[in-house]
Protein backbone atom coordinates (compact mmCIF):
# COMPACT_ATOMS: atom_id res chain seq x y z
CA LEU A 1 10.84 18.53 -6.27
CA LYS A 2 13.97 17.46 -8.13
CA THR A 3 12.43 18.26 -11.48
CA ASP A 4 11.73 21.77 -10.21
CA GLY A 5 15.39 22.21 -9.38
CA TYR A 6 15.40 21.45 -5.66
CA GLN A 7 18.02 19.23 -4.08
CA VAL A 8 17.43 16.67 -1.33
CA ALA A 9 19.49 17.44 1.77
CA SER A 10 21.06 14.62 3.77
CA ASP A 11 20.41 16.23 7.15
CA TYR A 12 18.31 18.89 8.87
CA ASP A 13 21.11 21.46 8.94
CA GLY A 14 21.47 21.43 5.18
CA ALA A 15 17.74 21.80 4.49
CA ASP A 16 15.88 25.05 3.83
CA LEU A 17 12.64 23.17 4.47
CA VAL A 18 11.53 19.75 5.73
CA VAL A 19 8.60 17.81 4.21
CA VAL A 20 7.24 15.14 6.58
CA ASN A 21 5.17 12.42 4.91
CA THR A 22 2.84 10.93 7.52
CA CYS A 23 0.75 7.81 8.11
CA GLY A 24 -2.56 7.84 9.97
CA PHE A 25 -3.54 4.19 9.64
CA ILE A 26 -2.88 2.91 13.17
CA GLU A 27 -2.22 4.71 16.44
CA SER A 28 1.43 3.68 16.59
CA ALA A 29 1.95 5.14 13.10
CA VAL A 30 0.12 8.33 14.10
CA GLN A 31 2.38 8.73 17.11
CA GLU A 32 5.47 8.01 15.03
CA SER A 33 4.35 10.65 12.52
CA LEU A 34 3.73 13.23 15.25
CA ASP A 35 7.16 12.45 16.73
CA ALA A 36 8.77 12.88 13.30
CA ILE A 37 7.08 16.27 12.92
CA GLY A 38 8.29 17.26 16.37
CA GLU A 39 11.85 16.23 15.56
CA ALA A 40 11.78 18.19 12.30
CA MET A 41 10.42 21.24 14.10
CA SER A 42 13.09 20.99 16.76
CA GLU A 43 15.99 20.39 14.37
CA ASN A 44 14.93 22.69 11.53
CA GLY A 45 11.76 24.62 12.35
CA ARG A 46 10.43 25.00 8.79
CA VAL A 47 8.12 22.04 8.22
CA ILE A 48 5.42 21.09 5.72
CA VAL A 49 3.26 18.08 6.65
CA THR A 50 1.66 15.80 4.08
CA GLY A 51 0.26 12.25 3.86
CA CYS A 52 -2.72 10.48 5.44
CA LEU A 53 -2.49 12.13 8.84
CA GLY A 54 -2.76 15.50 7.13
CA LYS A 55 -6.50 14.94 6.92
CA ASP A 56 -6.61 15.63 10.67
CA GLU A 57 -4.99 19.06 10.61
CA ASP A 58 -6.40 19.98 14.02
CA LYS A 59 -4.59 17.07 15.70
CA ILE A 60 -1.31 18.07 14.05
CA ARG A 61 -1.60 21.75 14.89
CA GLN A 62 -2.67 20.99 18.44
CA MET A 63 0.75 19.43 19.03
CA HIS A 64 2.75 21.42 16.48
CA PRO A 65 1.00 24.76 15.89
CA ASN A 66 3.92 26.32 14.01
CA VAL A 67 4.16 23.96 11.06
CA LEU A 68 4.07 25.98 7.85
CA LYS A 69 1.47 23.94 5.97
CA VAL A 70 -0.61 20.76 6.35
CA THR A 71 -1.78 18.86 3.26
CA GLY A 72 -3.50 15.51 2.79
CA ALA A 73 -2.72 12.24 1.05
CA ALA A 74 -1.56 12.40 -2.58
CA ALA A 75 -1.75 16.21 -2.45
CA TYR A 76 1.28 16.63 -4.68
CA GLN A 77 0.25 19.99 -6.09
CA ASP A 78 -0.50 21.41 -2.63
CA VAL A 79 2.92 20.31 -1.39
CA MET A 80 4.65 21.85 -4.40
CA GLU A 81 2.79 25.13 -3.97
CA ALA A 82 3.76 25.26 -0.30
CA VAL A 83 7.41 24.54 -1.08
CA HIS A 84 7.40 27.23 -3.78
CA GLU A 85 5.87 29.67 -1.30
CA TYR A 86 8.52 29.22 1.37
CA VAL A 87 11.56 28.30 -0.76
CA PRO A 88 11.33 29.80 -4.27
CA ALA A 89 12.34 27.39 -7.01
CA PRO A 90 15.78 27.75 -8.61
CA PRO A 91 15.96 29.26 -12.13
CA LYS A 92 14.74 27.04 -14.95
CA HIS A 93 16.69 25.86 -18.02
CA ASN A 94 19.10 23.74 -16.04
CA PRO A 95 20.12 20.91 -18.42
CA PHE A 96 20.16 18.41 -15.55
CA ILE A 97 16.52 19.27 -14.87
CA ASP A 98 15.27 19.67 -18.43
CA LEU A 99 16.55 16.21 -19.36
CA VAL A 100 14.49 14.33 -16.79
CA PRO A 101 14.11 10.70 -17.96
CA GLU A 102 10.70 9.55 -19.16
CA GLN A 103 10.27 7.21 -16.21
CA GLY A 104 10.71 10.14 -13.81
CA ILE A 105 12.96 10.22 -10.78
CA ARG A 106 12.68 7.28 -8.38
CA LEU A 107 13.94 6.84 -4.83
CA THR A 108 14.16 3.03 -4.98
CA PRO A 109 17.32 1.15 -6.04
CA LYS A 110 17.79 0.94 -9.80
CA HIS A 111 16.83 -2.72 -10.15
CA TYR A 112 13.23 -2.49 -8.89
CA ALA A 113 10.33 -0.05 -8.80
CA TYR A 114 6.82 0.19 -7.36
CA LEU A 115 3.92 0.41 -9.78
CA LYS A 116 0.76 1.78 -8.18
CA ILE A 117 -2.32 0.75 -10.13
CA SER A 118 -5.16 2.23 -8.05
CA GLU A 119 -6.03 4.31 -5.02
CA GLY A 120 -8.64 3.69 -2.33
CA CYS A 121 -10.67 0.65 -1.32
CA ASN A 122 -14.31 -0.50 -1.51
CA HIS A 123 -14.14 -2.69 1.60
CA ARG A 124 -15.19 -1.50 5.03
CA CYS A 125 -13.06 -3.62 7.35
CA THR A 126 -13.84 -2.63 10.91
CA PHE A 127 -10.20 -2.07 11.91
CA CYS A 128 -9.37 0.11 8.91
CA ILE A 129 -9.94 3.77 8.01
CA ILE A 130 -8.31 3.77 4.57
CA PRO A 131 -11.64 4.39 2.74
CA SER A 132 -12.27 7.48 4.86
CA MET A 133 -8.75 8.71 4.11
CA ARG A 134 -8.27 7.62 0.52
CA GLY A 135 -11.85 7.12 -0.67
CA ASP A 136 -13.34 4.27 -2.67
CA LEU A 137 -11.38 2.37 -5.30
CA VAL A 138 -10.19 4.45 -8.26
CA SER A 139 -8.26 2.44 -10.85
CA ARG A 140 -5.72 3.98 -13.21
CA PRO A 141 -6.35 3.41 -16.93
CA VAL A 142 -4.59 0.20 -17.88
CA GLY A 143 -2.87 1.88 -20.82
CA SER A 144 -1.26 4.35 -18.43
CA VAL A 145 -0.18 1.56 -16.06
CA LEU A 146 1.39 -0.47 -18.86
CA GLU A 147 3.15 2.53 -20.38
CA GLU A 148 4.70 3.37 -17.02
CA ALA A 149 5.82 -0.25 -16.65
CA ALA A 150 7.35 -0.21 -20.13
CA ALA A 151 9.16 3.06 -19.37
CA LEU A 152 10.56 1.54 -16.18
CA LYS A 153 11.85 -1.44 -18.16
CA ARG A 154 13.52 0.87 -20.67
CA ALA A 155 15.20 2.60 -17.72
CA GLY A 156 16.77 -0.67 -16.62
CA VAL A 157 14.31 -1.82 -13.96
CA LYS A 158 14.39 -5.60 -13.57
CA GLU A 159 11.50 -6.09 -11.15
CA ILE A 160 8.15 -4.32 -10.80
CA LEU A 161 6.21 -4.52 -7.55
CA VAL A 162 2.50 -3.99 -8.25
CA ILE A 163 0.81 -2.22 -5.34
CA SER A 164 -2.52 -0.70 -4.32
CA GLN A 165 -4.91 -1.02 -1.40
CA ASP A 166 -6.73 -3.89 -3.16
CA THR A 167 -4.78 -5.09 -6.19
CA SER A 168 -7.14 -7.89 -7.24
CA ALA A 169 -10.10 -5.46 -7.39
CA TYR A 170 -8.33 -3.47 -10.10
CA GLY A 171 -10.78 -2.19 -12.70
CA VAL A 172 -13.99 -2.98 -10.80
CA ASP A 173 -14.81 0.73 -10.50
CA THR A 174 -14.42 1.23 -14.27
CA LYS A 175 -16.56 -1.82 -15.10
CA TYR A 176 -13.42 -3.18 -16.76
CA LYS A 177 -13.30 -0.36 -19.28
CA LEU A 178 -11.52 -1.09 -22.54
CA ASP A 179 -8.29 0.85 -23.05
CA PHE A 180 -5.37 0.64 -25.49
CA TRP A 181 -1.67 -0.04 -25.21
CA ASN A 182 0.75 -0.39 -28.11
CA GLY A 183 -2.25 -0.11 -30.40
CA GLN A 184 -3.92 -3.17 -28.89
CA PRO A 185 -7.15 -3.24 -26.84
CA VAL A 186 -6.70 -4.17 -23.17
CA LYS A 187 -9.37 -4.30 -20.47
CA THR A 188 -8.84 -2.41 -17.23
CA LYS A 189 -8.96 -5.71 -15.36
CA PHE A 190 -6.65 -7.53 -12.95
CA PHE A 191 -5.98 -10.57 -15.15
CA ASP A 192 -5.60 -8.59 -18.37
CA MET A 193 -3.18 -6.18 -16.72
CA CYS A 194 -1.11 -9.06 -15.31
CA GLU A 195 -1.08 -10.82 -18.67
CA ALA A 196 0.17 -7.66 -20.40
CA LEU A 197 2.80 -7.01 -17.72
CA GLY A 198 3.99 -10.58 -18.19
CA GLN A 199 4.83 -9.79 -21.81
CA LEU A 200 7.45 -7.19 -20.81
CA GLY A 201 10.08 -9.79 -19.97
CA ILE A 202 10.84 -8.53 -16.45
CA TRP A 203 9.88 -9.76 -13.00
CA VAL A 204 6.37 -8.81 -11.88
CA ARG A 205 5.51 -9.26 -8.20
CA LEU A 206 1.93 -8.84 -6.89
CA HIS A 207 1.20 -7.27 -3.51
CA TYR A 208 -2.03 -6.82 -1.49
CA VAL A 209 -4.09 -9.41 -3.35
CA TYR A 210 -7.42 -10.59 -1.94
CA PRO A 211 -8.24 -14.27 -2.69
CA TYR A 212 -11.12 -13.52 -5.06
CA PRO A 213 -12.18 -16.31 -7.49
CA HIS A 214 -10.65 -14.55 -10.50
CA VAL A 215 -7.18 -14.73 -8.91
CA ASP A 216 -7.13 -18.41 -9.94
CA ALA A 217 -6.51 -17.42 -13.55
CA VAL A 218 -3.49 -15.34 -12.56
CA ILE A 219 -1.97 -18.43 -10.92
CA ASP A 220 -1.95 -19.94 -14.41
CA LEU A 221 0.24 -17.04 -15.58
CA MET A 222 2.61 -17.79 -12.72
CA ALA A 223 2.74 -21.48 -13.63
CA GLN A 224 3.61 -20.47 -17.19
CA GLY A 225 6.46 -18.27 -16.00
CA LYS A 226 4.79 -15.05 -17.17
CA ILE A 227 4.89 -13.35 -13.74
CA LEU A 228 6.64 -14.24 -10.50
CA PRO A 229 5.01 -17.06 -8.50
CA TYR A 230 4.49 -14.78 -5.51
CA LEU A 231 1.41 -13.49 -3.73
CA ASP A 232 1.18 -11.08 -0.83
CA ILE A 233 -2.28 -11.72 0.66
CA PRO A 234 -3.43 -9.97 3.86
CA PHE A 235 -5.47 -12.81 5.36
CA GLN A 236 -5.46 -11.03 8.78
CA HIS A 237 -6.99 -13.99 10.70
CA ALA A 238 -8.40 -17.50 10.32
CA SER A 239 -11.19 -17.73 12.88
CA PRO A 240 -14.53 -17.37 11.04
CA ARG A 241 -15.93 -15.46 14.01
CA VAL A 242 -13.07 -12.96 14.09
CA LEU A 243 -13.13 -12.55 10.32
CA LYS A 244 -16.83 -11.73 10.59
CA LEU A 245 -16.11 -9.13 13.29
CA MET A 246 -13.43 -7.68 11.02
CA LYS A 247 -15.82 -7.74 8.03
CA ARG A 248 -13.15 -9.41 5.93
CA PRO A 249 -14.13 -10.68 2.45
CA ALA A 250 -12.81 -14.23 2.95
CA HIS A 251 -13.47 -17.46 4.84
CA SER A 252 -10.65 -19.50 6.36
CA GLU A 253 -11.82 -22.88 5.03
CA ASN A 254 -12.23 -21.47 1.54
CA THR A 255 -8.77 -19.89 1.63
CA LEU A 256 -7.16 -23.20 2.61
CA GLU A 257 -8.81 -24.80 -0.40
CA LYS A 258 -7.60 -21.90 -2.55
CA ILE A 259 -4.03 -22.30 -1.35
CA LYS A 260 -4.15 -26.04 -2.07
CA LEU A 261 -5.53 -25.43 -5.57
CA TRP A 262 -2.96 -22.73 -6.32
CA ARG A 263 -0.05 -24.92 -5.24
CA GLU A 264 -1.32 -27.78 -7.36
CA LYS A 265 -1.28 -25.44 -10.35
CA CYS A 266 2.00 -23.74 -9.42
CA PRO A 267 4.12 -25.84 -7.01
CA ASN A 268 6.78 -23.14 -6.55
CA LEU A 269 4.24 -20.49 -5.50
CA VAL A 270 5.42 -18.34 -2.58
CA ILE A 271 2.72 -16.84 -0.33
CA ARG A 272 3.30 -14.09 2.20
CA SER A 273 0.64 -12.79 4.58
CA THR A 274 0.04 -10.69 7.67
CA PHE A 275 -2.11 -11.42 10.71
CA VAL A 276 -3.59 -9.46 13.61
CA VAL A 277 -3.75 -10.90 17.12
CA GLY A 278 -5.71 -9.45 20.00
CA PHE A 279 -8.59 -8.15 17.89
CA PRO A 280 -11.61 -7.18 20.05
CA GLY A 281 -13.51 -10.32 21.00
CA GLU A 282 -10.70 -12.72 20.05
CA THR A 283 -10.80 -15.68 22.44
CA GLU A 284 -8.20 -18.34 23.17
CA GLU A 285 -10.21 -20.64 20.92
CA ASP A 286 -10.07 -18.10 18.07
CA PHE A 287 -6.32 -17.72 18.55
CA GLN A 288 -5.84 -21.50 18.48
CA ILE A 289 -7.85 -21.67 15.25
CA LEU A 290 -5.40 -19.18 13.76
CA LEU A 291 -2.39 -21.23 14.91
CA ASP A 292 -3.89 -24.46 13.54
CA TRP A 293 -4.71 -22.73 10.26
CA LEU A 294 -1.12 -21.52 9.91
CA VAL A 295 0.19 -25.04 10.48
CA GLU A 296 -2.08 -26.38 7.76
CA ALA A 297 -1.56 -23.49 5.33
CA GLN A 298 2.26 -23.60 5.54
CA LEU A 299 2.72 -20.07 4.29
CA ASP A 300 6.23 -19.10 3.21
CA ARG A 301 6.45 -15.72 4.94
CA VAL A 302 4.31 -14.34 7.77
CA GLY A 303 4.12 -10.99 9.53
CA CYS A 304 2.19 -10.46 12.75
CA PHE A 305 0.84 -7.39 14.54
CA THR A 306 -1.00 -6.80 17.78
CA TYR A 307 -4.34 -5.06 17.31
CA SER A 308 -4.07 -1.31 17.71
CA PRO A 309 -7.14 0.94 17.98
CA VAL A 310 -7.45 3.43 15.15
CA GLU A 311 -9.36 6.65 15.65
CA GLY A 312 -12.49 6.50 13.51
CA ALA A 313 -12.48 2.70 13.06
CA THR A 314 -15.74 0.92 13.90
CA ALA A 315 -13.82 -1.88 15.66
CA ASN A 316 -13.35 0.56 18.53
CA ASP A 317 -17.03 0.08 19.37
CA LEU A 318 -16.82 -3.72 19.58
CA PRO A 319 -17.10 -5.31 23.03
CA ASP A 320 -14.54 -7.49 24.82
CA HIS A 321 -11.31 -5.70 23.98
CA VAL A 322 -8.31 -7.93 24.66
CA PRO A 323 -5.96 -6.78 27.47
CA GLU A 324 -2.56 -5.60 26.29
CA GLU A 325 -0.65 -8.30 28.17
CA ILE A 326 -2.68 -11.04 26.45
CA LYS A 327 -2.07 -9.40 23.06
CA GLN A 328 1.65 -9.53 23.74
CA GLU A 329 1.48 -13.18 24.82
CA ARG A 330 -0.29 -14.13 21.60
CA TYR A 331 2.11 -12.01 19.56
């Protein structure tokens, strides 16, 4: 929008149009998105809706029938066309627009930036609807990823946060296709990408990593100081029975062994994770297994959520849903 000459207003009164970026992952996020649309309609009245929830246009229009346009996730061109339709772009040839830096315009602070390496996910976790919203895994060419990272470094970025829905699966969909960067061959593969990023001389932090076997080699890069000794791993639970109900690609005993091995290789490794309590069928015994696992794992940072039904998720059909008051007790 900025490169087309538009300015970002600081409040509703100063805006000709409001773009609401939504989330449709869990019910609380859906409600928050619908509330945000309602607020924008009330305060401004000219609203374009985009993001994951945009896939369910009927739900949005049922509550907010007068929104101007509804688009889906990553529908950048559709959003731009809608904005152009309702608020014509300013004249071109503005030197402040024509001289857009090569790294583009970011909304994060100057010292760090997000680097998205893929879209979608090949897993079918029962509580999640990301594959139905974003599709299966589609990895960016590694040359493109590395060039963006290099451009961010040239722009003064000191830390890159690597993100995707499943970072450690990067390149699986391409069968680790060979690409080129700086004239050198590089495979579209998790380790190879991390190794190349580690050569840039800036901090590289990995998010949303599953504990696949090939992650072990990346720990070696951390031990060597090539990338930050940090992993964000969504373990979600520790009870084997609950993990099976979730259809998670990990086993609690194996992950404890992994964590032990990783810390032996890289003693200053920091691990962050998130967990769900109150998943359908979770018993007191399952919950205690999770608590015991956390004591043994000694993770550095932990986030916790109560299970929330998601429309379209297969977990909704599981028996023995946990009462809300018990969810809150466990939380």
